[in-house]
Amino acid sequence: MTFSDTQEQGAAGDLPPRLSHRQITTVMSGLVLGMFLGALDQTVVSSALRTIADDLHGLTAQAWVTTAYLITATIATPLYGKLSDIHGRRPVYLAAIALFTVGSLLCGCATSIYELAVFRAVQGLGGGGLMSLAMTIVADITTPRERGRYQGYFMAVFGGASIVGPLVGGAFADRAELLGIAGWRWIFLINVPLAAAAAVAIMRVLRFPHRRVRHRLDHAGALALAVGLVPLLTVAEQGRVWGWGSSRALLMYAIGVVGLAVFLVVERRSGDAALLPPGLFRIRTFRLGVGLHFVVGIGMFGAMTTLPLYLQLVRGMSPIAAGLATLPTVAANLAVTLLTGRMIARTGRFKVHLVAGVGSFTAAMIVFATLRVDSPLWHAALGMALMGAGLGASMQTLTMLAQCEVPRTDMGAATASVNFFRSNGGTVGTAAFLSILFTTAAGSIAERLAEARHDPAYRRLLAQPDNAHALTGVLGPGGGVNLEDSAFLRTLDPSVALPFLEGYITSMRIVFLTGAAVSLAAFALAAWRVPDLTLSDE
């Protein structure tokens, strides 16, 4: 039977076609390029974000660069599920790549940290569809038990991007200029040829038959969701500046709560057209899957944002060195992802891997919380290996949990919902963790400086011309500290820099302990509430 024959049968029947392994891998060859595009962009930025923020004079506002992307990707994700049901997977996937490419070009032209955040939001509108639609298509053409095998390939691609991304990002960030353009701008501009290759591949291999679904697009739900999420995520990032109980923060809380309440009402009235169909939440495994995705997403994105800051701010690594230092995470993630996928395909059981994965991630947060300024690199590498293994075992199994009892007719909405809740968790984790870090860092550094100034030897070092020049604009009146630009740490005498580094690590310890508490809650929920199911082979 040829591929086209299989397509014709699928188009005529009620269910998607059953494809051979060779046919599935042909389809996936196009999907993985799109996923690689999105994954590479995330990891490229993470290792160079400090350099970008310093160049644009917005270190403490850097959370906006990540948060803006996640906000728009989060809101767009459920829309892609519906749009692909209506118009087909391929044209919607190509539209996602096009939006992502336009956003990348704009990011390469940004002149301020806030302008970059706006352009990252455009990029997120496209990025929201890259992983969601890829996972939906795999669910369309595989059985529940087979998904572990093929989703393992996706995670392997993600791991490969994680290896290449920090190295490429670090290499660009370390270059002052390349072809007359600032090195870090190439981090975004490189997406253009990659997007072109992904688009060509998708057009050639993604010819899965589409049976049009007569849905109306839930515009009211999308608007209410945006009104609910944007204010809450904004106050999560700006609360440290405004004050958590300030009038502006209270207004954001109120608007967000009202927006989410309206969203729930709209969704109940929208029926099948709802962005997040209420009927899905009557399925226990789906509720558990999306809930755990949200909680694990908080810790995952929070840790992935904070760890590069430890390596670069506290350990003094260059972006490329920090990228190389994260290889234990990538290696563990890649190995455990592939092993877990094969074991699930063989046995059909996934709970043990899910619980072990969340437990490993919790242990990683605890290891990170014990880091010091002078900790050996193997100490951080241990935590990275535990984190990579935990994510490799848990992320694909959480997706399987959410999908395993969902009817095929609702698979698009269900998969979009999984990515929606993971992105929401990631947005909350990134904004909240960086907010905690920079809210407490200035006070912690000021305390360490006050203690150090009691030592006459430290005061003499502080008064030396080179150190005094490096600290110009950093130390304010009354013991205040300006953390908008961390470049001064590169030229400061190590003995003078020590109170700054100790202050940063104290704040990072609070962040990682918070992540450990969140992950521990997810571990308890997974261990006690997730049913020990055997996945179907049909």
Protein backbone atom coordinates (compact mmCIF):
# COMPACT_ATOMS: atom_id res chain seq x y z
CA MET A 1 0.00 0.00 0.00
CA THR A 2 1.37 3.39 -0.94
CA PHE A 3 1.35 6.50 1.25
CA SER A 4 -1.27 8.13 -1.01
CA ASP A 5 -3.48 5.05 -0.76
CA THR A 6 -3.32 5.25 3.00
CA GLN A 7 -4.20 8.94 2.86
CA GLU A 8 -7.26 8.26 0.73
CA GLN A 9 -8.50 5.65 3.16
CA GLY A 10 -7.97 8.02 6.07
CA ALA A 11 -9.82 10.81 4.34
CA ALA A 12 -12.77 8.58 3.70
CA GLY A 13 -12.99 7.06 7.16
CA ASP A 14 -13.92 8.42 10.55
CA LEU A 15 -10.47 7.98 12.10
CA PRO A 16 -7.01 9.14 11.01
CA PRO A 17 -5.08 6.62 8.90
CA ARG A 18 -2.86 3.98 10.50
CA LEU A 19 0.56 4.63 9.02
CA SER A 20 3.62 2.42 9.00
CA HIS A 21 6.73 3.32 10.97
CA ARG A 22 8.40 4.53 7.76
CA GLN A 23 5.45 6.74 6.87
CA ILE A 24 5.30 8.21 10.37
CA THR A 25 9.01 9.03 10.37
CA THR A 26 8.57 10.70 6.95
CA VAL A 27 5.93 13.01 8.41
CA MET A 28 8.04 13.60 11.50
CA SER A 29 11.07 14.64 9.46
CA GLY A 30 9.20 17.83 8.65
CA LEU A 31 7.79 18.31 12.13
CA VAL A 32 11.14 18.03 13.88
CA LEU A 33 12.58 20.90 11.86
CA GLY A 34 9.80 23.16 13.09
CA MET A 35 10.30 21.97 16.64
CA PHE A 36 14.06 22.40 16.34
CA LEU A 37 13.44 25.98 15.24
CA GLY A 38 11.44 26.81 18.37
CA ALA A 39 13.69 24.85 20.73
CA LEU A 40 16.88 26.38 19.35
CA ASP A 41 15.52 29.89 19.83
CA GLN A 42 14.72 29.30 23.49
CA THR A 43 18.12 27.84 24.36
CA VAL A 44 20.07 30.32 22.24
CA VAL A 45 18.54 33.24 24.12
CA SER A 46 19.01 31.73 27.59
CA SER A 47 22.81 31.63 27.44
CA ALA A 48 23.10 35.14 25.96
CA LEU A 49 20.39 36.95 27.90
CA ARG A 50 22.81 38.58 30.31
CA THR A 51 24.89 39.99 27.43
CA ILE A 52 21.75 41.22 25.65
CA ALA A 53 20.38 42.81 28.83
CA ASP A 54 23.69 44.52 29.60
CA ASP A 55 23.94 45.88 26.05
CA LEU A 56 20.38 47.21 26.21
CA HIS A 57 20.84 48.43 29.82
CA GLY A 58 18.02 46.39 31.30
CA LEU A 59 19.37 43.51 33.39
CA THR A 60 16.58 43.60 35.98
CA ALA A 61 13.94 43.89 33.24
CA GLN A 62 15.23 40.86 31.35
CA ALA A 63 12.28 38.78 32.57
CA TRP A 64 10.13 40.69 30.07
CA VAL A 65 12.12 39.15 27.20
CA THR A 66 11.14 35.65 28.28
CA THR A 67 7.76 36.50 29.79
CA ALA A 68 6.50 38.37 26.71
CA TYR A 69 7.25 35.36 24.52
CA LEU A 70 5.54 32.98 26.93
CA ILE A 71 2.44 35.18 27.36
CA THR A 72 1.68 35.34 23.64
CA ALA A 73 2.66 31.72 23.06
CA THR A 74 0.37 30.69 25.91
CA ILE A 75 -2.63 32.63 24.61
CA ALA A 76 -2.03 31.53 21.01
CA THR A 77 -1.63 27.82 21.79
CA PRO A 78 -5.33 26.92 22.22
CA LEU A 79 -6.19 29.05 19.16
CA TYR A 80 -3.85 26.94 17.04
CA GLY A 81 -5.69 23.79 18.12
CA LYS A 82 -9.00 25.18 16.86
CA LEU A 83 -7.57 26.78 13.73
CA SER A 84 -5.90 23.53 12.70
CA ASP A 85 -9.17 21.65 13.20
CA ILE A 86 -10.91 24.12 10.90
CA HIS A 87 -8.28 24.82 8.23
CA GLY A 88 -5.98 21.79 8.47
CA ARG A 89 -2.67 21.16 10.20
CA ARG A 90 -0.29 22.11 7.37
CA PRO A 91 -1.44 25.68 6.51
CA VAL A 92 -1.75 26.61 10.17
CA TYR A 93 1.69 25.16 10.93
CA LEU A 94 3.20 27.17 8.06
CA ALA A 95 1.48 30.32 9.37
CA ALA A 96 3.08 29.68 12.78
CA ILE A 97 6.52 29.43 11.18
CA ALA A 98 5.92 32.69 9.25
CA LEU A 99 4.91 34.60 12.39
CA PHE A 100 7.90 33.21 14.26
CA THR A 101 10.21 34.36 11.46
CA VAL A 102 8.80 37.90 11.36
CA GLY A 103 9.22 38.15 15.13
CA SER A 104 12.81 36.95 14.85
CA LEU A 105 13.66 39.63 12.28
CA LEU A 106 12.15 42.31 14.50
CA CYS A 107 14.06 41.03 17.55
CA GLY A 108 17.29 41.38 15.59
CA CYS A 109 16.52 45.09 15.18
CA ALA A 110 15.55 45.89 18.80
CA THR A 111 17.10 48.99 20.41
CA SER A 112 15.87 48.60 24.01
CA ILE A 113 15.01 45.77 26.37
CA TYR A 114 11.32 46.66 26.26
CA GLU A 115 11.31 46.87 22.46
CA LEU A 116 12.93 43.45 22.38
CA ALA A 117 10.21 42.16 24.70
CA VAL A 118 7.49 43.45 22.33
CA PHE A 119 9.14 41.75 19.36
CA ARG A 120 9.55 38.55 21.38
CA ALA A 121 5.79 38.71 21.90
CA VAL A 122 5.35 38.66 18.11
CA GLN A 123 7.73 35.72 17.96
CA GLY A 124 5.67 33.96 20.64
CA LEU A 125 2.52 34.22 18.50
CA GLY A 126 4.23 31.87 16.08
CA GLY A 127 6.11 29.83 18.64
CA GLY A 128 2.85 28.89 20.37
CA GLY A 129 1.95 26.66 17.43
CA LEU A 130 5.28 24.95 16.74
CA MET A 131 5.30 22.35 19.51
CA SER A 132 1.53 22.14 20.04
CA LEU A 133 0.72 21.31 16.43
CA ALA A 134 3.63 18.88 16.14
CA MET A 135 2.42 16.93 19.17
CA THR A 136 -1.17 17.03 17.88
CA ILE A 137 -0.15 15.56 14.52
CA VAL A 138 1.79 12.76 16.22
CA ALA A 139 -1.28 11.98 18.34
CA ASP A 140 -3.36 11.94 15.14
CA ILE A 141 -1.28 9.23 13.46
CA THR A 142 -0.15 6.99 16.38
CA THR A 143 -1.71 4.84 19.08
CA PRO A 144 -1.32 5.83 22.77
CA ARG A 145 1.43 3.24 23.32
CA GLU A 146 3.34 4.25 20.16
CA ARG A 147 3.37 7.91 21.21
CA GLY A 148 6.09 7.31 23.77
CA ARG A 149 8.43 6.11 21.03
CA TYR A 150 7.77 9.01 18.66
CA GLN A 151 7.51 11.71 21.31
CA GLY A 152 10.90 10.44 22.44
CA TYR A 153 12.25 11.46 19.04
CA PHE A 154 10.85 14.94 19.55
CA MET A 155 12.52 15.19 22.94
CA ALA A 156 15.77 13.98 21.37
CA VAL A 157 15.52 16.81 18.84
CA PHE A 158 14.82 19.21 21.68
CA GLY A 159 17.90 17.87 23.45
CA GLY A 160 19.99 18.35 20.31
CA ALA A 161 18.79 21.94 20.07
CA SER A 162 19.68 22.37 23.72
CA ILE A 163 23.24 21.25 22.96
CA VAL A 164 23.64 23.48 19.92
CA GLY A 165 21.64 26.46 21.24
CA PRO A 166 23.78 27.56 24.22
CA LEU A 167 26.96 27.08 22.21
CA VAL A 168 25.68 29.09 19.25
CA GLY A 169 24.20 31.73 21.55
CA GLY A 170 27.40 31.99 23.53
CA ALA A 171 29.52 32.19 20.38
CA PHE A 172 27.39 35.03 18.99
CA ALA A 173 27.19 36.85 22.34
CA ASP A 174 30.98 36.71 22.71
CA ARG A 175 31.44 38.46 19.36
CA ALA A 176 31.23 42.24 19.53
CA GLU A 177 30.26 42.38 15.84
CA LEU A 178 29.68 40.03 12.94
CA LEU A 179 29.33 41.47 9.43
CA GLY A 180 28.85 44.90 10.97
CA ILE A 181 26.00 43.76 13.24
CA ALA A 182 26.20 43.21 17.01
CA GLY A 183 26.93 39.55 17.67
CA TRP A 184 23.90 38.83 19.87
CA ARG A 185 21.51 40.03 17.14
CA TRP A 186 22.49 37.05 15.02
CA ILE A 187 20.85 34.86 17.67
CA PHE A 188 17.53 35.99 16.21
CA LEU A 189 18.57 36.56 12.59
CA ILE A 190 19.80 32.97 12.25
CA ASN A 191 16.18 31.85 12.56
CA VAL A 192 15.42 33.14 9.05
CA PRO A 193 17.29 30.45 7.02
CA LEU A 194 16.23 27.78 9.54
CA ALA A 195 12.59 28.82 9.15
CA ALA A 196 12.88 28.68 5.36
CA ALA A 197 14.23 25.13 5.55
CA ALA A 198 11.48 24.10 7.99
CA ALA A 199 8.77 25.61 5.77
CA VAL A 200 10.06 23.78 2.67
CA ALA A 201 10.18 20.49 4.58
CA ILE A 202 6.65 20.94 5.96
CA MET A 203 5.26 21.69 2.50
CA ARG A 204 6.87 18.55 1.06
CA VAL A 205 6.18 15.91 3.73
CA LEU A 206 3.21 17.08 5.79
CA ARG A 207 0.39 15.84 3.55
CA PHE A 208 -1.82 14.36 6.21
CA PRO A 209 -5.48 14.37 5.02
CA HIS A 210 -7.74 16.95 6.64
CA ARG A 211 -11.42 16.46 7.38
CA ARG A 212 -12.83 19.94 7.94
CA VAL A 213 -14.49 20.46 11.30
CA ARG A 214 -17.31 22.98 11.36
CA HIS A 215 -16.27 25.07 14.36
CA ARG A 216 -16.64 28.74 14.98
CA LEU A 217 -13.58 30.40 16.44
CA ASP A 218 -14.02 31.42 20.06
CA HIS A 219 -13.01 35.09 19.72
CA ALA A 220 -14.73 36.09 22.97
CA GLY A 221 -12.90 33.35 24.86
CA ALA A 222 -9.54 34.39 23.40
CA LEU A 223 -10.14 38.02 24.37
CA ALA A 224 -11.26 37.10 27.89
CA LEU A 225 -8.24 34.82 28.30
CA ALA A 226 -5.89 37.64 27.29
CA VAL A 227 -7.61 40.05 29.70
CA GLY A 228 -7.24 37.48 32.46
CA LEU A 229 -3.65 36.39 31.90
CA VAL A 230 -1.79 39.53 30.84
CA PRO A 231 -2.47 41.62 34.00
CA LEU A 232 -1.63 38.74 36.34
CA LEU A 233 1.60 37.92 34.53
CA THR A 234 2.49 41.61 34.35
CA VAL A 235 2.16 42.06 38.10
CA ALA A 236 4.19 38.88 38.63
CA GLU A 237 7.09 40.57 36.82
CA GLN A 238 6.56 44.16 38.05
CA GLY A 239 5.35 43.49 41.58
CA ARG A 240 8.81 44.00 43.04
CA VAL A 241 8.95 47.48 41.46
CA TRP A 242 5.36 48.57 42.12
CA GLY A 243 4.98 46.84 45.48
CA TRP A 244 2.85 43.71 45.78
CA GLY A 245 0.13 45.61 47.63
CA SER A 246 0.32 48.85 45.63
CA SER A 247 -2.73 50.33 43.92
CA ARG A 248 -1.43 49.35 40.47
CA ALA A 249 -0.82 45.75 41.60
CA LEU A 250 -4.29 45.52 43.15
CA LEU A 251 -5.83 46.85 39.93
CA MET A 252 -3.99 44.19 37.92
CA TYR A 253 -5.19 41.47 40.31
CA ALA A 254 -8.76 42.66 39.95
CA ILE A 255 -8.67 42.86 36.14
CA GLY A 256 -7.04 39.45 35.91
CA VAL A 257 -9.56 37.75 38.19
CA VAL A 258 -12.50 39.33 36.34
CA GLY A 259 -11.00 38.33 32.98
CA LEU A 260 -10.55 34.70 34.06
CA ALA A 261 -14.08 34.60 35.52
CA VAL A 262 -15.50 35.90 32.23
CA PHE A 263 -13.38 33.35 30.35
CA LEU A 264 -14.87 30.48 32.38
CA VAL A 265 -18.41 31.72 31.68
CA VAL A 266 -17.70 32.13 27.97
CA GLU A 267 -16.16 28.66 27.72
CA ARG A 268 -19.17 27.01 29.37
CA ARG A 269 -21.47 28.71 26.87
CA SER A 270 -19.29 28.03 23.81
CA GLY A 271 -19.70 24.24 23.84
CA ASP A 272 -17.62 22.54 21.15
CA ALA A 273 -16.22 25.88 19.98
CA ALA A 274 -14.54 26.59 23.34
CA LEU A 275 -10.77 27.12 23.33
CA LEU A 276 -10.51 24.83 26.36
CA PRO A 277 -13.62 22.58 26.12
CA PRO A 278 -15.08 22.14 29.65
CA GLY A 279 -15.95 18.52 28.83
CA LEU A 280 -12.25 17.60 28.79
CA PHE A 281 -11.94 18.53 32.45
CA ARG A 282 -14.44 15.83 33.36
CA ILE A 283 -11.73 13.30 32.36
CA ARG A 284 -9.65 12.59 35.47
CA THR A 285 -6.39 11.79 33.68
CA PHE A 286 -6.68 14.96 31.61
CA ARG A 287 -7.18 17.08 34.75
CA LEU A 288 -4.16 15.49 36.39
CA GLY A 289 -2.03 15.82 33.26
CA VAL A 290 -2.63 19.51 32.67
CA GLY A 291 -2.45 20.32 36.39
CA LEU A 292 0.92 18.62 36.74
CA HIS A 293 2.15 20.26 33.53
CA PHE A 294 1.34 23.64 35.08
CA VAL A 295 3.11 22.91 38.37
CA VAL A 296 6.17 21.26 36.80
CA GLY A 297 6.33 24.10 34.24
CA ILE A 298 6.70 26.62 37.08
CA GLY A 299 9.79 24.88 38.41
CA MET A 300 11.23 23.93 35.02
CA PHE A 301 11.20 27.37 33.40
CA GLY A 302 12.11 29.11 36.65
CA ALA A 303 15.18 26.92 37.08
CA MET A 304 16.22 27.16 33.44
CA THR A 305 16.10 30.96 33.67
CA THR A 306 17.96 31.23 36.98
CA LEU A 307 20.71 28.65 36.40
CA PRO A 308 22.46 30.55 33.55
CA LEU A 309 22.53 33.61 35.83
CA TYR A 310 24.35 31.56 38.48
CA LEU A 311 26.92 30.37 35.96
CA GLN A 312 27.52 33.84 34.49
CA LEU A 313 26.99 36.22 37.42
CA VAL A 314 28.36 34.14 40.29
CA ARG A 315 30.82 31.84 38.52
CA GLY A 316 31.91 34.56 36.06
CA MET A 317 31.57 32.34 32.99
CA SER A 318 31.28 33.71 29.48
CA PRO A 319 28.05 32.88 27.63
CA ILE A 320 29.72 30.13 25.61
CA ALA A 321 31.34 28.63 28.72
CA ALA A 322 27.96 28.70 30.49
CA GLY A 323 26.44 26.92 27.51
CA LEU A 324 29.10 24.20 27.67
CA ALA A 325 28.57 23.87 31.43
CA THR A 326 24.91 22.91 30.89
CA LEU A 327 25.81 19.82 28.86
CA PRO A 328 25.05 17.46 31.82
CA THR A 329 21.41 18.60 31.63
CA VAL A 330 21.27 17.95 27.91
CA ALA A 331 23.02 14.57 28.03
CA ALA A 332 20.84 13.28 30.87
CA ASN A 333 17.67 14.59 29.23
CA LEU A 334 18.49 12.99 25.88
CA ALA A 335 19.42 9.59 27.34
CA VAL A 336 16.47 9.34 29.72
CA THR A 337 13.95 10.60 27.13
CA LEU A 338 14.89 7.93 24.59
CA LEU A 339 15.09 5.18 27.21
CA THR A 340 11.73 6.11 28.74
CA GLY A 341 10.02 6.25 25.35
CA ARG A 342 11.23 2.76 24.43
CA MET A 343 10.27 1.29 27.81
CA ILE A 344 6.76 2.73 27.59
CA ALA A 345 6.35 1.44 24.02
CA ARG A 346 7.35 -2.04 25.27
CA THR A 347 5.28 -2.18 28.47
CA GLY A 348 2.55 0.44 28.05
CA ARG A 349 3.11 1.59 31.66
CA PHE A 350 4.16 5.15 32.38
CA LYS A 351 3.36 6.11 35.99
CA VAL A 352 6.66 4.86 37.43
CA HIS A 353 8.59 7.03 34.96
CA LEU A 354 6.40 10.06 35.66
CA VAL A 355 6.85 9.84 39.44
CA ALA A 356 10.60 9.16 39.16
CA GLY A 357 11.00 12.10 36.79
CA VAL A 358 9.26 14.60 39.05
CA GLY A 359 11.20 13.24 42.02
CA SER A 360 14.51 13.66 40.19
CA PHE A 361 13.61 17.24 39.29
CA THR A 362 12.76 17.99 42.93
CA ALA A 363 16.14 16.60 43.99
CA ALA A 364 17.81 18.88 41.42
CA MET A 365 16.18 21.97 42.97
CA ILE A 366 17.46 20.93 46.40
CA VAL A 367 21.00 20.49 45.02
CA PHE A 368 20.87 23.94 43.39
CA ALA A 369 19.68 25.45 46.67
CA THR A 370 22.93 24.31 48.35
CA LEU A 371 25.25 26.04 45.85
CA ARG A 372 27.77 28.56 47.17
CA VAL A 373 30.07 31.08 45.54
CA ASP A 374 32.99 28.67 45.79
CA SER A 375 31.11 25.43 45.03
CA PRO A 376 33.02 23.11 42.68
CA LEU A 377 31.55 22.78 39.20
CA TRP A 378 30.65 19.12 39.77
CA HIS A 379 28.19 20.31 42.45
CA ALA A 380 26.20 22.28 39.88
CA ALA A 381 26.68 19.50 37.28
CA LEU A 382 25.05 17.00 39.65
CA GLY A 383 21.98 19.19 39.91
CA MET A 384 21.94 19.67 36.12
CA ALA A 385 22.10 15.91 35.50
CA LEU A 386 19.22 15.32 37.94
CA MET A 387 17.22 18.09 36.28
CA GLY A 388 17.82 16.73 32.77
CA ALA A 389 16.89 13.20 33.81
CA GLY A 390 13.79 14.44 35.61
CA LEU A 391 12.55 16.43 32.65
CA GLY A 392 13.35 13.57 30.25
CA ALA A 393 11.22 11.14 32.25
CA SER A 394 8.37 13.46 33.22
CA MET A 395 7.54 15.76 30.31
CA GLN A 396 6.58 13.10 27.75
CA THR A 397 4.76 10.99 30.35
CA LEU A 398 2.74 13.99 31.53
CA THR A 399 1.61 14.53 27.94
CA MET A 400 0.65 10.86 27.66
CA LEU A 401 -1.30 11.10 30.92
CA ALA A 402 -3.33 14.01 29.61
CA GLN A 403 -3.96 12.33 26.23
CA CYS A 404 -4.53 8.71 27.24
CA GLU A 405 -8.31 8.82 27.83
CA VAL A 406 -9.22 11.69 25.48
CA PRO A 407 -11.28 10.75 22.37
CA ARG A 408 -9.40 11.18 19.10
CA THR A 409 -11.95 13.76 17.99
CA ASP A 410 -10.82 16.04 20.86
CA MET A 411 -7.09 15.35 20.52
CA GLY A 412 -6.28 18.75 18.98
CA ALA A 413 -7.96 20.68 21.79
CA ALA A 414 -6.49 18.35 24.44
CA THR A 415 -2.91 18.67 23.16
CA ALA A 416 -3.27 22.44 22.84
CA SER A 417 -4.55 22.51 26.43
CA VAL A 418 -1.50 20.56 27.63
CA ASN A 419 0.85 23.07 26.03
CA PHE A 420 -1.33 25.93 27.28
CA PHE A 421 -1.01 24.88 30.91
CA ARG A 422 2.71 24.12 30.59
CA SER A 423 3.30 27.54 29.04
CA ASN A 424 1.23 29.17 31.76
CA GLY A 425 3.33 27.45 34.39
CA GLY A 426 6.48 28.49 32.57
CA THR A 427 5.34 32.09 32.37
CA VAL A 428 4.47 32.18 36.06
CA GLY A 429 7.73 30.45 37.00
CA THR A 430 9.94 32.72 34.90
CA ALA A 431 8.27 35.95 36.03
CA ALA A 432 7.95 34.96 39.68
CA PHE A 433 11.41 33.43 40.08
CA LEU A 434 13.23 36.34 38.46
CA SER A 435 11.07 38.74 40.43
CA ILE A 436 12.03 36.98 43.68
CA LEU A 437 15.68 37.00 42.63
CA PHE A 438 15.95 40.70 41.85
CA THR A 439 13.59 41.76 44.65
CA THR A 440 15.86 40.18 47.25
CA ALA A 441 19.26 40.57 45.52
CA ALA A 442 19.65 44.32 46.08
CA GLY A 443 18.95 43.97 49.79
CA SER A 444 21.20 40.92 50.16
CA ILE A 445 24.09 42.65 48.37
CA ALA A 446 23.62 45.84 50.44
CA GLU A 447 23.81 43.76 53.65
CA ARG A 448 27.01 42.01 52.52
CA LEU A 449 28.57 45.34 51.51
CA ALA A 450 27.71 46.91 54.86
CA GLU A 451 29.41 44.01 56.64
CA ALA A 452 32.47 44.12 54.35
CA ARG A 453 32.96 47.86 54.89
CA HIS A 454 33.73 47.24 58.53
CA ASP A 455 37.03 45.76 57.33
CA PRO A 456 39.66 48.50 56.69
CA ALA A 457 41.35 46.32 54.05
CA TYR A 458 38.09 46.11 52.08
CA ARG A 459 37.60 49.88 52.28
CA ARG A 460 41.11 50.41 50.88
CA LEU A 461 40.39 48.06 47.98
CA LEU A 462 37.08 49.82 47.37
CA ALA A 463 38.85 53.18 47.12
CA GLN A 464 41.38 52.02 44.51
CA PRO A 465 40.87 53.92 41.21
CA ASP A 466 40.09 50.86 39.07
CA ASN A 467 37.50 49.52 41.52
CA ALA A 468 35.99 52.94 42.16
CA HIS A 469 35.64 53.49 38.41
CA ALA A 470 34.03 50.07 37.89
CA LEU A 471 31.48 50.83 40.60
CA THR A 472 30.50 54.21 39.19
CA GLY A 473 26.72 54.30 39.03
CA VAL A 474 26.41 50.99 40.88
CA LEU A 475 26.59 52.14 44.50
CA GLY A 476 23.94 54.72 45.30
CA PRO A 477 23.52 57.02 48.29
CA GLY A 478 22.43 55.40 51.54
CA GLY A 479 23.88 52.00 50.60
CA GLY A 480 21.59 51.41 47.63
CA VAL A 481 22.71 49.16 44.76
CA ASN A 482 21.86 49.56 41.06
CA LEU A 483 21.60 46.14 39.40
CA GLU A 484 20.54 47.25 35.92
CA ASP A 485 23.93 46.35 34.43
CA SER A 486 26.19 43.58 35.76
CA ALA A 487 29.10 44.30 33.40
CA PHE A 488 31.09 45.90 36.27
CA LEU A 489 31.63 42.43 37.79
CA ARG A 490 33.96 41.53 34.91
CA THR A 491 36.50 44.25 35.82
CA LEU A 492 36.04 44.42 39.59
CA ASP A 493 38.71 43.03 41.90
CA PRO A 494 37.54 39.53 43.02
CA SER A 495 37.82 40.48 46.68
CA VAL A 496 35.68 43.58 46.13
CA ALA A 497 33.18 41.58 44.05
CA LEU A 498 32.70 38.91 46.75
CA PRO A 499 29.83 40.68 48.63
CA PHE A 500 27.97 41.09 45.32
CA LEU A 501 28.38 37.42 44.47
CA GLU A 502 27.33 36.33 47.97
CA GLY A 503 24.27 38.54 47.75
CA TYR A 504 23.29 37.02 44.41
CA ILE A 505 23.75 33.44 45.60
CA THR A 506 21.67 34.13 48.73
CA SER A 507 18.80 35.31 46.55
CA MET A 508 19.22 32.39 44.14
CA ARG A 509 19.02 30.01 47.09
CA ILE A 510 15.58 31.42 47.90
CA VAL A 511 14.53 30.92 44.28
CA PHE A 512 15.66 27.29 44.14
CA LEU A 513 14.06 26.48 47.50
CA THR A 514 10.81 27.89 46.15
CA GLY A 515 11.22 25.68 43.09
CA ALA A 516 11.88 22.67 45.32
CA ALA A 517 8.67 23.33 47.28
CA VAL A 518 6.62 23.59 44.06
CA SER A 519 8.19 20.43 42.62
CA LEU A 520 7.63 18.53 45.85
CA ALA A 521 3.93 19.36 45.65
CA ALA A 522 3.88 17.97 42.10
CA PHE A 523 5.72 14.83 43.26
CA ALA A 524 3.14 14.17 46.00
CA LEU A 525 0.27 14.73 43.54
CA ALA A 526 1.81 12.41 40.95
CA ALA A 527 2.62 9.65 43.44
CA TRP A 528 -0.79 9.58 45.11
CA ARG A 529 -3.29 10.62 42.45
CA VAL A 530 -2.03 9.42 39.05
CA PRO A 531 -3.59 6.03 38.18
CA ASP A 532 -1.28 3.19 37.14
CA LEU A 533 -2.73 2.68 33.65
CA THR A 534 -1.58 0.55 30.74
CA LEU A 535 -1.68 2.45 27.44
CA SER A 536 -3.75 1.08 24.59
CA ASP A 537 -2.15 -0.24 21.41
CA GLU A 538 -5.13 0.82 19.26
